[in-house]
Structure formats: structure tokens, C-alpha cells
Amino acid sequence: MTATPLTLLEDCCSPVLGQVITPTEAESLAGSLKAIADPVRLRLISLVAAHVDREACVCDLTAPVGLSQPTVSHHLKVLVDAGILTREQRGRWAYYSLVPDSLDTIARLIALPQA
């Protein structure tokens, strides 16, 4: 199962608790939730958010999570594909930053509707 980019999810899906969602909507949202439902990925999101200017080079992320660069890059790719992070290549290194409001979008999709 692959995650649907969050912008598409927000356009297509109603909040889970607002009305019954379709099987397709459930599968799309589950893909995005699966992308963040991993301890390493949650740490990576936190590390990027806490880094200067809310962006971090992959080289700055390997030591804190204790994994090799290829493994960290794989986790970061999953987060980019899910629309949670963006990736910018600068010379030899890739820099990652949070997509504005990406986590808020996920929260809105699983939140109770406002009365």
C-alpha cells in the first residue's frame, strides 16, 4: 500500500469521524498513517522540525537515529512520498523539510468535526 500525497487526501476524503468513509478513502488515509506509524519516521519528523530553519541534511539525521544513511534515506523517501516532508538536492546532500500543515492535515482527517 502506498500513501496518497496529503493534498490529494484532504481534497478527496472527509474526516473519518464526520461520516463513514469509503474503502478507497480508508486505504488512502491508512497509507499516510502507515508512513508516520513507525518509531524511526516519527523521530525523523521530530528531528527535522527541531533543526535550524526546520530543515535538515540527511547527514545530520543518521547519527541521532543510529541507522545507516541508506536506511535513513529510505525512511525519508517514505515520508516524502506521503507528502509529509519535501526533499531538495544540494550538491551531494539531500535536505529535508516539513511540508507546511502536513501533520495538521492528517489530524483534521481523523478529528471529530467541529460543532
Protein backbone atom coordinates (compact mmCIF):
# COMPACT_ATOMS: atom_id res chain seq x y z
CA MET A 1 0.00 0.00 0.00
CA THR A 2 1.40 3.40 -0.94
CA ALA A 3 0.47 6.65 0.71
CA THR A 4 -1.52 9.24 -1.18
CA PRO A 5 0.02 12.73 -1.04
CA LEU A 6 -1.72 14.70 1.70
CA THR A 7 -3.03 17.41 -0.62
CA LEU A 8 -4.97 14.77 -2.54
CA LEU A 9 -6.16 13.15 0.67
CA GLU A 10 -7.56 16.39 2.01
CA ASP A 11 -9.35 17.05 -1.29
CA CYS A 12 -10.91 13.60 -1.57
CA CYS A 13 -11.53 12.44 1.97
CA SER A 14 -13.97 13.55 4.60
CA PRO A 15 -12.94 13.33 8.25
CA VAL A 16 -13.12 9.75 9.47
CA LEU A 17 -15.34 10.74 12.39
CA GLY A 18 -17.52 13.12 10.35
CA GLN A 19 -19.14 10.47 8.17
CA VAL A 20 -18.48 6.94 7.02
CA ILE A 21 -15.56 6.98 4.62
CA THR A 22 -15.34 4.82 1.53
CA PRO A 23 -12.98 1.86 1.26
CA THR A 24 -10.82 3.89 -1.15
CA GLU A 25 -10.62 6.83 1.27
CA ALA A 26 -9.78 4.45 4.11
CA GLU A 27 -6.98 2.86 2.08
CA SER A 28 -5.53 6.26 1.14
CA LEU A 29 -5.60 7.57 4.70
CA ALA A 30 -4.18 4.30 6.04
CA GLY A 31 -1.20 4.70 3.70
CA SER A 32 -0.42 8.12 5.15
CA LEU A 33 -0.90 6.92 8.70
CA LYS A 34 1.34 3.94 7.98
CA ALA A 35 4.04 6.36 6.80
CA ILE A 36 4.12 8.07 10.21
CA ALA A 37 3.35 4.97 12.30
CA ASP A 38 6.99 3.97 12.57
CA PRO A 39 9.21 4.99 15.50
CA VAL A 40 12.15 5.90 13.25
CA ARG A 41 9.96 8.04 10.98
CA LEU A 42 8.39 9.81 13.95
CA ARG A 43 11.89 10.59 15.23
CA LEU A 44 12.93 11.86 11.80
CA ILE A 45 9.90 14.16 11.64
CA SER A 46 10.77 15.45 15.11
CA LEU A 47 14.44 15.91 14.26
CA VAL A 48 13.67 17.85 11.08
CA ALA A 49 11.11 20.03 12.89
CA ALA A 50 13.59 20.78 15.69
CA HIS A 51 16.51 21.52 13.36
CA VAL A 52 17.61 25.04 12.43
CA ASP A 53 15.17 26.53 9.90
CA ARG A 54 13.12 23.32 10.20
CA GLU A 55 15.24 21.60 7.58
CA ALA A 56 17.97 19.02 7.93
CA CYS A 57 20.53 17.30 5.76
CA VAL A 58 20.32 13.53 5.68
CA CYS A 59 23.89 13.58 7.01
CA ASP A 60 22.56 15.25 10.20
CA LEU A 61 19.90 12.60 10.73
CA THR A 62 21.81 9.33 10.65
CA ALA A 63 23.62 9.57 14.00
CA PRO A 64 20.59 10.60 16.09
CA VAL A 65 18.55 7.61 14.89
CA GLY A 66 21.55 5.25 14.88
CA LEU A 67 20.97 3.92 11.38
CA SER A 68 22.97 3.90 8.16
CA GLN A 69 22.49 6.62 5.56
CA PRO A 70 20.74 4.28 3.08
CA THR A 71 18.25 3.17 5.75
CA VAL A 72 17.56 6.75 6.85
CA SER A 73 17.17 7.78 3.21
CA HIS A 74 14.61 5.01 2.72
CA HIS A 75 12.55 6.24 5.70
CA LEU A 76 12.80 9.82 4.46
CA LYS A 77 11.61 8.76 0.98
CA VAL A 78 8.53 7.18 2.52
CA LEU A 79 7.79 10.46 4.31
CA VAL A 80 8.36 12.47 1.12
CA ASP A 81 6.09 10.13 -0.88
CA ALA A 82 3.40 10.56 1.79
CA GLY A 83 3.60 14.35 1.47
CA ILE A 84 4.94 14.94 4.97
CA LEU A 85 8.46 16.05 4.03
CA THR A 86 9.98 17.70 0.98
CA ARG A 87 13.42 16.90 -0.41
CA GLU A 88 15.86 19.32 -2.01
CA GLN A 89 19.13 18.16 -3.52
CA ARG A 90 22.08 20.47 -2.80
CA GLY A 91 25.22 19.14 -4.35
CA ARG A 92 25.97 15.76 -2.80
CA TRP A 93 23.46 16.00 0.04
CA ALA A 94 19.69 15.97 0.26
CA TYR A 95 17.93 18.36 2.62
CA TYR A 96 14.52 17.65 4.08
CA SER A 97 11.87 19.95 5.49
CA LEU A 98 8.32 19.56 6.73
CA VAL A 99 5.52 20.28 4.30
CA PRO A 100 3.57 23.14 5.91
CA ASP A 101 0.43 21.89 7.66
CA SER A 102 1.05 18.26 6.63
CA LEU A 103 0.58 16.89 10.13
CA ASP A 104 -2.39 19.20 10.68
CA THR A 105 -3.99 17.71 7.57
CA ILE A 106 -3.69 14.21 9.00
CA ALA A 107 -5.09 15.43 12.32
CA ARG A 108 -8.09 17.04 10.56
CA LEU A 109 -8.82 13.81 8.70
CA ILE A 110 -9.10 11.82 11.92
CA ALA A 111 -10.61 14.50 14.18
CA LEU A 112 -14.18 14.98 15.33
CA PRO A 113 -15.96 17.57 13.19
CA GLN A 114 -16.38 20.98 14.77
CA ALA A 115 -19.87 21.55 16.14
